[in-house]
Amino acid sequence: MAIYSDELGLSESVSTTYSTANTYSPLTNGRLIGVRLYACGDDVTSVIEGVEVRLESVSFGGVPVTVMTAGAGIRTAPAVPIPVGSVNCDLPVRTGINITVQIRNVTDDTPVTTQFMILGIFQA
């Protein structure tokens, strides 16, 4: 039994409605046991507030996985570190059955120069 991580998606989305960041195809049959969400600002004028990622797959049995994190608004110095969004789960994955990765910004402000990386932790 091996545990490995893989990038599920990378997004520069500034949308406040769900947009598809990626469609991920699992490398092996096994289980998705965790999801991590990393949020980065590209420059000092970046605006990052709430971020929500939703993963869906028919192999999950109709149950989505949701992970969130929150920034502190504009990233001027001194910028406060953005906590890593993290959720543990235990869902089956199979090669050939894709995982849809959707992302949205949860804010009343306009997100500016954001970048998000979604990492999956798998057990095979």
Protein backbone atom coordinates (compact mmCIF):
# COMPACT_ATOMS: atom_id res chain seq x y z
CA MET A 1 0.00 0.00 0.00
CA ALA A 2 1.46 3.34 -1.06
CA ILE A 3 0.49 6.92 -0.27
CA TYR A 4 1.26 9.57 -2.86
CA SER A 5 0.23 13.12 -3.76
CA ASP A 6 -0.61 14.60 -7.14
CA GLU A 7 -1.70 18.01 -8.40
CA LEU A 8 -5.44 17.97 -9.05
CA GLY A 9 -5.51 21.44 -10.54
CA LEU A 10 -3.90 24.85 -10.82
CA SER A 11 -6.12 27.89 -11.26
CA GLU A 12 -5.82 31.64 -11.60
CA SER A 13 -9.59 32.01 -11.50
CA VAL A 14 -11.07 35.24 -10.16
CA SER A 15 -14.63 34.00 -10.66
CA THR A 16 -17.11 34.21 -7.79
CA THR A 17 -19.17 31.40 -9.35
CA TYR A 18 -17.91 27.84 -9.74
CA SER A 19 -15.58 27.40 -12.70
CA THR A 20 -13.81 24.20 -13.69
CA ALA A 21 -10.15 24.32 -12.70
CA ASN A 22 -9.37 20.87 -14.09
CA THR A 23 -10.63 17.42 -14.88
CA TYR A 24 -8.27 15.00 -13.17
CA SER A 25 -7.79 11.35 -14.09
CA PRO A 26 -6.47 9.22 -11.19
CA LEU A 27 -3.09 7.54 -11.80
CA THR A 28 -4.11 4.29 -10.08
CA ASN A 29 -7.10 2.61 -8.49
CA GLY A 30 -7.27 3.36 -4.79
CA ARG A 31 -8.64 5.97 -2.41
CA LEU A 32 -8.57 9.75 -2.15
CA ILE A 33 -7.66 10.32 1.50
CA GLY A 34 -7.04 14.07 1.59
CA VAL A 35 -7.18 17.34 -0.30
CA ARG A 36 -5.01 20.43 0.25
CA LEU A 37 -5.70 23.91 -1.13
CA TYR A 38 -2.82 26.39 -1.45
CA ALA A 39 -3.63 30.04 -2.24
CA CYS A 40 -0.99 32.51 -3.42
CA GLY A 41 -1.02 36.14 -4.39
CA ASP A 42 1.10 37.02 -7.42
CA ASP A 43 1.96 40.55 -6.23
CA VAL A 44 1.32 43.13 -3.50
CA THR A 45 -1.97 44.18 -5.07
CA SER A 46 -3.40 40.66 -4.93
CA VAL A 47 -6.78 40.38 -3.23
CA ILE A 48 -7.56 36.96 -1.75
CA GLU A 49 -10.48 36.40 0.58
CA GLY A 50 -12.53 33.18 0.76
CA VAL A 51 -11.75 30.35 -1.67
CA GLU A 52 -13.79 27.18 -2.08
CA VAL A 53 -12.86 24.09 -4.10
CA ARG A 54 -15.34 21.32 -4.83
CA LEU A 55 -14.38 17.88 -6.17
CA GLU A 56 -16.97 15.63 -7.76
CA SER A 57 -16.77 12.16 -9.30
CA VAL A 58 -19.25 9.38 -9.96
CA SER A 59 -16.90 7.14 -7.96
CA PHE A 60 -17.68 9.31 -4.87
CA GLY A 61 -21.29 8.08 -4.88
CA GLY A 62 -22.80 11.56 -5.29
CA VAL A 63 -20.99 13.08 -2.32
CA PRO A 64 -18.75 16.07 -3.20
CA VAL A 65 -15.54 16.92 -1.35
CA THR A 66 -15.27 20.58 -0.36
CA VAL A 67 -12.19 22.37 0.95
CA MET A 68 -11.88 26.06 1.80
CA THR A 69 -9.33 28.63 2.90
CA ALA A 70 -9.41 32.36 3.55
CA GLY A 71 -6.94 35.13 2.85
CA ALA A 72 -6.82 38.49 4.57
CA GLY A 73 -7.77 40.66 1.60
CA ILE A 74 -5.11 42.77 -0.11
CA ARG A 75 -1.59 41.30 0.15
CA THR A 76 0.38 44.48 0.98
CA ALA A 77 3.37 44.18 3.29
CA PRO A 78 3.46 42.78 5.80
CA ALA A 79 1.30 40.08 4.22
CA VAL A 80 -0.33 37.62 6.59
CA PRO A 81 0.32 33.97 5.59
CA ILE A 82 -2.68 32.27 3.98
CA PRO A 83 -3.53 29.05 5.81
CA VAL A 84 -3.57 25.86 3.79
CA GLY A 85 -7.09 24.54 3.26
CA SER A 86 -7.18 20.89 4.28
CA VAL A 87 -9.78 18.17 4.42
CA ASN A 88 -9.40 14.46 5.13
CA CYS A 89 -11.66 12.03 3.30
CA ASP A 90 -11.83 8.39 2.31
CA LEU A 91 -13.33 8.00 -1.15
CA PRO A 92 -12.74 5.43 -3.90
CA VAL A 93 -10.99 6.49 -7.12
CA ARG A 94 -10.50 4.51 -10.30
CA THR A 95 -8.43 5.07 -13.39
CA GLY A 96 -10.65 6.20 -16.25
CA ILE A 97 -13.23 7.78 -13.91
CA ASN A 98 -12.43 11.48 -13.78
CA ILE A 99 -12.60 13.88 -10.86
CA THR A 100 -13.98 17.32 -11.71
CA VAL A 101 -12.24 20.12 -9.82
CA GLN A 102 -14.26 23.34 -9.47
CA ILE A 103 -13.20 26.55 -7.74
CA ARG A 104 -14.80 29.83 -6.74
CA ASN A 105 -13.85 32.91 -4.80
CA VAL A 106 -16.19 33.67 -1.91
CA THR A 107 -16.00 37.45 -1.54
CA ASP A 108 -17.86 40.69 -2.15
CA ASP A 109 -14.61 42.23 -3.40
CA THR A 110 -13.08 41.61 -6.81
CA PRO A 111 -10.33 38.97 -6.55
CA VAL A 112 -7.06 40.18 -8.13
CA THR A 113 -4.02 38.17 -9.35
CA THR A 114 -4.81 35.01 -7.44
CA GLN A 115 -3.33 31.57 -7.92
CA PHE A 116 -4.55 28.32 -6.37
CA MET A 117 -3.04 24.85 -6.32
CA ILE A 118 -5.16 21.86 -5.38
CA LEU A 119 -3.26 18.77 -4.21
CA GLY A 120 -4.78 15.32 -3.74
CA ILE A 121 -3.44 12.75 -1.28
CA PHE A 122 -4.05 9.20 -2.48
CA GLN A 123 -3.67 5.68 -1.15
CA ALA A 124 -3.07 2.95 -3.73
